[in-house]
Amino acid sequence: MSNPIRIVIIEDNLLFRGGLKYLLNFSNDFECAGDFGTAREGLKFIRSDPPDVVLMDIDLPEMNGIECTRLIKENAKTDNVHVIMITIMEDEYKVLEAILAGATGYLLKNASPESIMDAIRQVCSGGSPMSPSIARKVFGLMKLNYAAPEEKIVLNKRETEVLEGLVAGLTYKMIGEKYFIAVDTVRNYIRTIYEKLQVHSRSEAVVKAIKYRLL
């Protein structure tokens, strides 16, 4: 008999987390290696004892699930850990941001227990499971193709570098360290980039950068 799939749950809703833990431990195929209410607690455990899969909420205290996913995938020791986002958020930009951060799957919290267990098996077999409504939104983003903007968007060299940092998932601090500029300066560049792209968030900026081939 093969070893059970080891899973860590990072979810601040105690009731939902408890339900997931019970679901996993009820099956011989899975083992809940740990469950945590914050990303920082979960990240510390994952780095010391990497599981096979992480079930990750997005809206977490202190550090959100997308940033936690990015830190998991940046660490060589935990890069092969599969992260499945399991959240109430259906926003297509959040989906894209999660994928860019390294998430392997994206499920909604109203997914059936069977769907959650099947998704875990899928990621361990090379798949990328998504709730049907999420998959439709992702395909909707893909239909944007690489359209040309109605007005030419012109970014200077530093703005382009900062945008590259955003697309790569770097934090403001990491962008500043990479280009030897202060965090406040990074914020100013990002404010200018948002104005030029006519967007209001990192994920929207990433989508437009891809859509208009700005990099």
C-alpha atoms as a PDB file:
ATOM      1  CA  MET A   1       0.000   0.000   0.000  1.00  0.00           C
ATOM      2  CA  SER A   2       1.373   3.422  -0.991  1.00  0.00           C
ATOM      3  CA  ASN A   3       1.931   6.137   1.584  1.00  0.00           C
ATOM      4  CA  PRO A   4      -0.960   8.592   2.095  1.00  0.00           C
ATOM      5  CA  ILE A   5      -0.727  12.041   0.504  1.00  0.00           C
ATOM      6  CA  ARG A   6       0.440  14.492   3.173  1.00  0.00           C
ATOM      7  CA  ILE A   7      -1.530  17.727   3.228  1.00  0.00           C
ATOM      8  CA  VAL A   8      -1.265  21.018   5.099  1.00  0.00           C
ATOM      9  CA  ILE A   9      -4.309  23.250   5.491  1.00  0.00           C
ATOM     10  CA  ILE A  10      -3.925  27.037   5.808  1.00  0.00           C
ATOM     11  CA  GLU A  11      -7.346  28.505   6.566  1.00  0.00           C
ATOM     12  CA  ASP A  12      -8.399  31.064   9.173  1.00  0.00           C
ATOM     13  CA  ASN A  13     -12.032  29.898   9.358  1.00  0.00           C
ATOM     14  CA  LEU A  14     -11.817  27.396  12.208  1.00  0.00           C
ATOM     15  CA  LEU A  15     -15.046  25.609  11.295  1.00  0.00           C
ATOM     16  CA  PHE A  16     -14.130  25.181   7.629  1.00  0.00           C
ATOM     17  CA  ARG A  17     -10.572  24.162   8.526  1.00  0.00           C
ATOM     18  CA  GLY A  18     -11.905  21.553  10.926  1.00  0.00           C
ATOM     19  CA  GLY A  19     -14.196  20.195   8.224  1.00  0.00           C
ATOM     20  CA  LEU A  20     -11.306  19.848   5.787  1.00  0.00           C
ATOM     21  CA  LYS A  21      -9.159  18.152   8.413  1.00  0.00           C
ATOM     22  CA  TYR A  22     -11.926  15.660   9.206  1.00  0.00           C
ATOM     23  CA  LEU A  23     -12.466  14.987   5.483  1.00  0.00           C
ATOM     24  CA  LEU A  24      -8.786  14.244   4.898  1.00  0.00           C
ATOM     25  CA  ASN A  25      -8.262  12.069   7.945  1.00  0.00           C
ATOM     26  CA  PHE A  26     -11.435  10.118   7.194  1.00  0.00           C
ATOM     27  CA  SER A  27      -9.781   8.711   4.044  1.00  0.00           C
ATOM     28  CA  ASN A  28      -6.878   6.271   4.014  1.00  0.00           C
ATOM     29  CA  ASP A  29      -5.491   8.080   0.942  1.00  0.00           C
ATOM     30  CA  PHE A  30      -4.724  11.300   2.821  1.00  0.00           C
ATOM     31  CA  GLU A  31      -3.022  12.512   5.961  1.00  0.00           C
ATOM     32  CA  CYS A  32      -3.462  16.003   7.414  1.00  0.00           C
ATOM     33  CA  ALA A  33       0.125  16.843   8.366  1.00  0.00           C
ATOM     34  CA  GLY A  34      -0.867  20.173   9.915  1.00  0.00           C
ATOM     35  CA  ASP A  35      -3.552  22.856   9.947  1.00  0.00           C
ATOM     36  CA  PHE A  36      -2.927  26.550  10.561  1.00  0.00           C
ATOM     37  CA  GLY A  37      -4.912  29.764  10.871  1.00  0.00           C
ATOM     38  CA  THR A  38      -2.262  32.093   9.412  1.00  0.00           C
ATOM     39  CA  ALA A  39       0.073  31.962   6.435  1.00  0.00           C
ATOM     40  CA  ARG A  40       3.143  32.663   8.575  1.00  0.00           C
ATOM     41  CA  GLU A  41       2.461  29.688  10.846  1.00  0.00           C
ATOM     42  CA  GLY A  42       1.810  27.435   7.883  1.00  0.00           C
ATOM     43  CA  LEU A  43       4.847  28.652   5.957  1.00  0.00           C
ATOM     44  CA  LYS A  44       7.144  27.992   8.918  1.00  0.00           C
ATOM     45  CA  PHE A  45       5.886  24.404   9.179  1.00  0.00           C
ATOM     46  CA  ILE A  46       6.031  23.781   5.415  1.00  0.00           C
ATOM     47  CA  ARG A  47       9.654  24.913   5.226  1.00  0.00           C
ATOM     48  CA  SER A  48      10.660  22.555   8.029  1.00  0.00           C
ATOM     49  CA  ASP A  49       8.544  19.575   6.952  1.00  0.00           C
ATOM     50  CA  PRO A  50       7.311  19.925   3.341  1.00  0.00           C
ATOM     51  CA  PRO A  51       4.003  18.170   2.603  1.00  0.00           C
ATOM     52  CA  ASP A  52       2.803  16.960  -0.789  1.00  0.00           C
ATOM     53  CA  VAL A  53      -0.081  19.423  -1.053  1.00  0.00           C
ATOM     54  CA  VAL A  54      -1.217  22.652   0.608  1.00  0.00           C
ATOM     55  CA  LEU A  55      -4.870  23.690   0.694  1.00  0.00           C
ATOM     56  CA  MET A  56      -4.592  27.475   0.840  1.00  0.00           C
ATOM     57  CA  ASP A  57      -7.149  30.182   1.523  1.00  0.00           C
ATOM     58  CA  ILE A  58      -6.525  33.601  -0.057  1.00  0.00           C
ATOM     59  CA  ASP A  59      -7.988  36.022   2.464  1.00  0.00           C
ATOM     60  CA  LEU A  60      -5.750  35.386   5.476  1.00  0.00           C
ATOM     61  CA  PRO A  61      -4.602  37.690   8.321  1.00  0.00           C
ATOM     62  CA  GLU A  62      -1.146  39.329   8.138  1.00  0.00           C
ATOM     63  CA  MET A  63      -0.090  37.637   4.864  1.00  0.00           C
ATOM     64  CA  ASN A  64      -2.535  36.576   2.150  1.00  0.00           C
ATOM     65  CA  GLY A  65      -2.531  33.149   0.554  1.00  0.00           C
ATOM     66  CA  ILE A  66      -1.181  34.340  -2.790  1.00  0.00           C
ATOM     67  CA  GLU A  67       1.916  35.858  -1.170  1.00  0.00           C
ATOM     68  CA  CYS A  68       2.366  32.708   0.920  1.00  0.00           C
ATOM     69  CA  THR A  69       2.140  30.586  -2.241  1.00  0.00           C
ATOM     70  CA  ARG A  70       4.780  32.770  -3.893  1.00  0.00           C
ATOM     71  CA  LEU A  71       7.148  32.258  -0.937  1.00  0.00           C
ATOM     72  CA  ILE A  72       6.562  28.502  -0.964  1.00  0.00           C
ATOM     73  CA  LYS A  73       7.418  28.256  -4.663  1.00  0.00           C
ATOM     74  CA  GLU A  74      10.481  30.524  -4.353  1.00  0.00           C
ATOM     75  CA  ASN A  75      12.103  28.154  -1.839  1.00  0.00           C
ATOM     76  CA  ALA A  76      14.055  25.319  -3.476  1.00  0.00           C
ATOM     77  CA  LYS A  77      13.132  22.963  -0.631  1.00  0.00           C
ATOM     78  CA  THR A  78       9.397  23.520  -1.095  1.00  0.00           C
ATOM     79  CA  ASP A  79       9.176  24.305  -4.818  1.00  0.00           C
ATOM     80  CA  ASN A  80       7.705  20.865  -5.565  1.00  0.00           C
ATOM     81  CA  VAL A  81       4.903  21.321  -3.026  1.00  0.00           C
ATOM     82  CA  HIS A  82       1.557  21.599  -4.842  1.00  0.00           C
ATOM     83  CA  VAL A  83      -0.675  24.482  -3.742  1.00  0.00           C
ATOM     84  CA  ILE A  84      -4.416  24.378  -4.298  1.00  0.00           C
ATOM     85  CA  MET A  85      -6.200  27.640  -3.591  1.00  0.00           C
ATOM     86  CA  ILE A  86      -9.545  26.956  -1.919  1.00  0.00           C
ATOM     87  CA  THR A  87     -11.484  30.183  -1.498  1.00  0.00           C
ATOM     88  CA  ILE A  88     -14.744  32.055  -1.960  1.00  0.00           C
ATOM     89  CA  MET A  89     -13.073  34.474  -4.407  1.00  0.00           C
ATOM     90  CA  GLU A  90     -14.126  34.076  -8.049  1.00  0.00           C
ATOM     91  CA  ASP A  91     -12.412  37.241  -9.301  1.00  0.00           C
ATOM     92  CA  GLU A  92     -10.549  36.337 -12.506  1.00  0.00           C
ATOM     93  CA  TYR A  93      -7.659  38.628 -11.633  1.00  0.00           C
ATOM     94  CA  LYS A  94      -7.165  36.863  -8.309  1.00  0.00           C
ATOM     95  CA  VAL A  95      -7.186  33.560 -10.197  1.00  0.00           C
ATOM     96  CA  LEU A  96      -4.477  34.800 -12.544  1.00  0.00           C
ATOM     97  CA  GLU A  97      -2.448  36.235  -9.683  1.00  0.00           C
ATOM     98  CA  ALA A  98      -2.639  32.904  -7.838  1.00  0.00           C
ATOM     99  CA  ILE A  99      -1.517  30.997 -10.931  1.00  0.00           C
ATOM    100  CA  LEU A 100       1.379  33.387 -11.496  1.00  0.00           C
ATOM    101  CA  ALA A 101       2.373  32.919  -7.850  1.00  0.00           C
ATOM    102  CA  GLY A 102       2.638  29.172  -8.470  1.00  0.00           C
ATOM    103  CA  ALA A 103      -0.735  27.685  -7.497  1.00  0.00           C
ATOM    104  CA  THR A 104      -1.452  24.364  -9.196  1.00  0.00           C
ATOM    105  CA  GLY A 105      -5.219  24.365  -8.691  1.00  0.00           C
ATOM    106  CA  TYR A 106      -8.070  26.710  -7.768  1.00  0.00           C
ATOM    107  CA  LEU A 107     -11.266  25.549  -6.059  1.00  0.00           C
ATOM    108  CA  LEU A 108     -14.226  27.343  -4.550  1.00  0.00           C
ATOM    109  CA  LYS A 109     -15.221  26.590  -0.989  1.00  0.00           C
ATOM    110  CA  ASN A 110     -18.596  25.311  -2.139  1.00  0.00           C
ATOM    111  CA  ALA A 111     -16.856  22.431  -3.955  1.00  0.00           C
ATOM    112  CA  SER A 112     -18.094  19.018  -2.879  1.00  0.00           C
ATOM    113  CA  PRO A 113     -15.916  16.838  -0.620  1.00  0.00           C
ATOM    114  CA  GLU A 114     -15.459  14.449  -3.556  1.00  0.00           C
ATOM    115  CA  SER A 115     -14.251  17.327  -5.773  1.00  0.00           C
ATOM    116  CA  ILE A 116     -11.704  18.424  -3.171  1.00  0.00           C
ATOM    117  CA  MET A 117     -10.317  14.913  -2.729  1.00  0.00           C
ATOM    118  CA  ASP A 118     -10.225  14.387  -6.499  1.00  0.00           C
ATOM    119  CA  ALA A 119      -8.394  17.723  -6.951  1.00  0.00           C
ATOM    120  CA  ILE A 120      -5.700  16.608  -4.498  1.00  0.00           C
ATOM    121  CA  ARG A 121      -5.223  13.375  -6.424  1.00  0.00           C
ATOM    122  CA  GLN A 122      -5.107  15.319  -9.705  1.00  0.00           C
ATOM    123  CA  VAL A 123      -2.301  17.683  -8.658  1.00  0.00           C
ATOM    124  CA  CYS A 124      -0.244  14.723  -7.439  1.00  0.00           C
ATOM    125  CA  SER A 125      -0.734  13.115 -10.867  1.00  0.00           C
ATOM    126  CA  GLY A 126       0.291  16.173 -12.870  1.00  0.00           C
ATOM    127  CA  GLY A 127      -3.108  17.855 -13.251  1.00  0.00           C
ATOM    128  CA  SER A 128      -4.313  21.404 -12.545  1.00  0.00           C
ATOM    129  CA  PRO A 129      -7.861  21.180 -11.208  1.00  0.00           C
ATOM    130  CA  MET A 130     -10.225  24.152 -11.234  1.00  0.00           C
ATOM    131  CA  SER A 131     -13.834  24.681 -10.303  1.00  0.00           C
ATOM    132  CA  PRO A 132     -15.872  24.923 -13.559  1.00  0.00           C
ATOM    133  CA  SER A 133     -16.853  28.564 -13.021  1.00  0.00           C
ATOM    134  CA  ILE A 134     -13.199  29.456 -12.400  1.00  0.00           C
ATOM    135  CA  ALA A 135     -12.073  27.646 -15.546  1.00  0.00           C
ATOM    136  CA  ARG A 136     -14.580  29.667 -17.563  1.00  0.00           C
ATOM    137  CA  LYS A 137     -13.178  32.931 -16.181  1.00  0.00           C
ATOM    138  CA  VAL A 138      -9.622  31.848 -17.028  1.00  0.00           C
ATOM    139  CA  PHE A 139     -10.660  31.062 -20.600  1.00  0.00           C
ATOM    140  CA  GLY A 140     -12.321  34.456 -20.696  1.00  0.00           C
ATOM    141  CA  LEU A 141      -8.996  36.081 -19.878  1.00  0.00           C
ATOM    142  CA  MET A 142      -7.296  33.995 -22.569  1.00  0.00           C
ATOM    143  CA  LYS A 143      -9.779  35.316 -25.134  1.00  0.00           C
ATOM    144  CA  LEU A 144      -8.269  38.755 -24.617  1.00  0.00           C
ATOM    145  CA  ASN A 145      -5.507  37.449 -26.894  1.00  0.00           C
ATOM    146  CA  TYR A 146      -2.673  39.906 -27.353  1.00  0.00           C
ATOM    147  CA  ALA A 147      -4.727  42.865 -28.499  1.00  0.00           C
ATOM    148  CA  ALA A 148      -3.233  46.211 -29.385  1.00  0.00           C
ATOM    149  CA  PRO A 149      -4.248  49.068 -27.085  1.00  0.00           C
ATOM    150  CA  GLU A 150      -6.352  51.864 -28.565  1.00  0.00           C
ATOM    151  CA  GLU A 151      -3.679  54.325 -27.456  1.00  0.00           C
ATOM    152  CA  LYS A 152      -0.006  53.453 -27.383  1.00  0.00           C
ATOM    153  CA  ILE A 153       1.248  52.807 -23.850  1.00  0.00           C
ATOM    154  CA  VAL A 154       4.754  54.114 -23.332  1.00  0.00           C
ATOM    155  CA  LEU A 155       6.754  53.097 -20.263  1.00  0.00           C
ATOM    156  CA  ASN A 156      10.275  54.290 -19.579  1.00  0.00           C
ATOM    157  CA  LYS A 157      13.092  51.884 -18.725  1.00  0.00           C
ATOM    158  CA  ARG A 158      12.593  51.994 -14.945  1.00  0.00           C
ATOM    159  CA  GLU A 159       8.811  51.677 -15.212  1.00  0.00           C
ATOM    160  CA  THR A 160       9.284  48.635 -17.444  1.00  0.00           C
ATOM    161  CA  GLU A 161      11.671  47.087 -14.913  1.00  0.00           C
ATOM    162  CA  VAL A 162       9.224  47.669 -12.064  1.00  0.00           C
ATOM    163  CA  LEU A 163       6.388  46.176 -14.143  1.00  0.00           C
ATOM    164  CA  GLU A 164       8.587  43.129 -14.824  1.00  0.00           C
ATOM    165  CA  GLY A 165       8.980  42.798 -11.068  1.00  0.00           C
ATOM    166  CA  LEU A 166       5.208  42.893 -10.590  1.00  0.00           C
ATOM    167  CA  VAL A 167       4.685  40.217 -13.242  1.00  0.00           C
ATOM    168  CA  ALA A 168       7.368  38.071 -11.607  1.00  0.00           C
ATOM    169  CA  GLY A 169       5.486  38.315  -8.315  1.00  0.00           C
ATOM    170  CA  LEU A 170       8.119  40.317  -6.440  1.00  0.00           C
ATOM    171  CA  THR A 171       7.142  42.372  -3.414  1.00  0.00           C
ATOM    172  CA  TYR A 172       7.758  46.141  -3.423  1.00  0.00           C
ATOM    173  CA  LYS A 173      10.740  45.571  -1.120  1.00  0.00           C
ATOM    174  CA  MET A 174      12.194  42.922  -3.438  1.00  0.00           C
ATOM    175  CA  ILE A 175      11.779  45.197  -6.471  1.00  0.00           C
ATOM    176  CA  GLY A 176      13.542  48.009  -4.603  1.00  0.00           C
ATOM    177  CA  GLU A 177      16.429  45.737  -3.622  1.00  0.00           C
ATOM    178  CA  LYS A 178      16.773  44.411  -7.173  1.00  0.00           C
ATOM    179  CA  TYR A 179      17.020  47.875  -8.727  1.00  0.00           C
ATOM    180  CA  PHE A 180      18.617  49.688  -5.761  1.00  0.00           C
ATOM    181  CA  ILE A 181      15.729  52.081  -5.191  1.00  0.00           C
ATOM    182  CA  ALA A 182      13.698  52.917  -2.082  1.00  0.00           C
ATOM    183  CA  VAL A 183      10.347  51.235  -1.443  1.00  0.00           C
ATOM    184  CA  ASP A 184       8.610  54.637  -1.581  1.00  0.00           C
ATOM    185  CA  THR A 185      10.170  55.181  -5.006  1.00  0.00           C
ATOM    186  CA  VAL A 186       8.863  51.793  -6.110  1.00  0.00           C
ATOM    187  CA  ARG A 187       5.390  52.833  -4.962  1.00  0.00           C
ATOM    188  CA  ASN A 188       5.660  56.048  -6.984  1.00  0.00           C
ATOM    189  CA  TYR A 189       6.647  54.109 -10.106  1.00  0.00           C
ATOM    190  CA  ILE A 190       3.781  51.676  -9.585  1.00  0.00           C
ATOM    191  CA  ARG A 191       1.336  54.551  -9.166  1.00  0.00           C
ATOM    192  CA  THR A 192       2.538  55.961 -12.493  1.00  0.00           C
ATOM    193  CA  ILE A 193       2.329  52.537 -14.156  1.00  0.00           C
ATOM    194  CA  TYR A 194      -1.242  52.077 -12.931  1.00  0.00           C
ATOM    195  CA  GLU A 195      -2.187  55.490 -14.318  1.00  0.00           C
ATOM    196  CA  LYS A 196      -0.652  54.719 -17.718  1.00  0.00           C
ATOM    197  CA  LEU A 197      -2.281  51.285 -17.897  1.00  0.00           C
ATOM    198  CA  GLN A 198      -5.551  52.598 -16.410  1.00  0.00           C
ATOM    199  CA  VAL A 199      -5.679  49.823 -13.809  1.00  0.00           C
ATOM    200  CA  HIS A 200      -6.097  49.704 -10.038  1.00  0.00           C
ATOM    201  CA  SER A 201      -4.285  46.561  -8.897  1.00  0.00           C
ATOM    202  CA  ARG A 202      -1.237  44.371  -9.473  1.00  0.00           C
ATOM    203  CA  SER A 203      -3.290  41.589 -11.057  1.00  0.00           C
ATOM    204  CA  GLU A 204      -4.964  43.983 -13.523  1.00  0.00           C
ATOM    205  CA  ALA A 205      -1.535  45.404 -14.409  1.00  0.00           C
ATOM    206  CA  VAL A 206      -0.207  41.873 -15.028  1.00  0.00           C
ATOM    207  CA  VAL A 207      -3.138  41.076 -17.322  1.00  0.00           C
ATOM    208  CA  LYS A 208      -2.618  44.258 -19.362  1.00  0.00           C
ATOM    209  CA  ALA A 209       1.133  43.680 -19.554  1.00  0.00           C
ATOM    210  CA  ILE A 210       0.463  40.241 -21.030  1.00  0.00           C
ATOM    211  CA  LYS A 211      -2.416  41.369 -23.235  1.00  0.00           C
ATOM    212  CA  TYR A 212      -0.517  44.280 -24.791  1.00  0.00           C
ATOM    213  CA  ARG A 213       2.920  42.602 -24.839  1.00  0.00           C
ATOM    214  CA  LEU A 214       4.500  45.385 -22.841  1.00  0.00           C
ATOM    215  CA  LEU A 215       7.469  43.304 -21.697  1.00  0.00           C
END
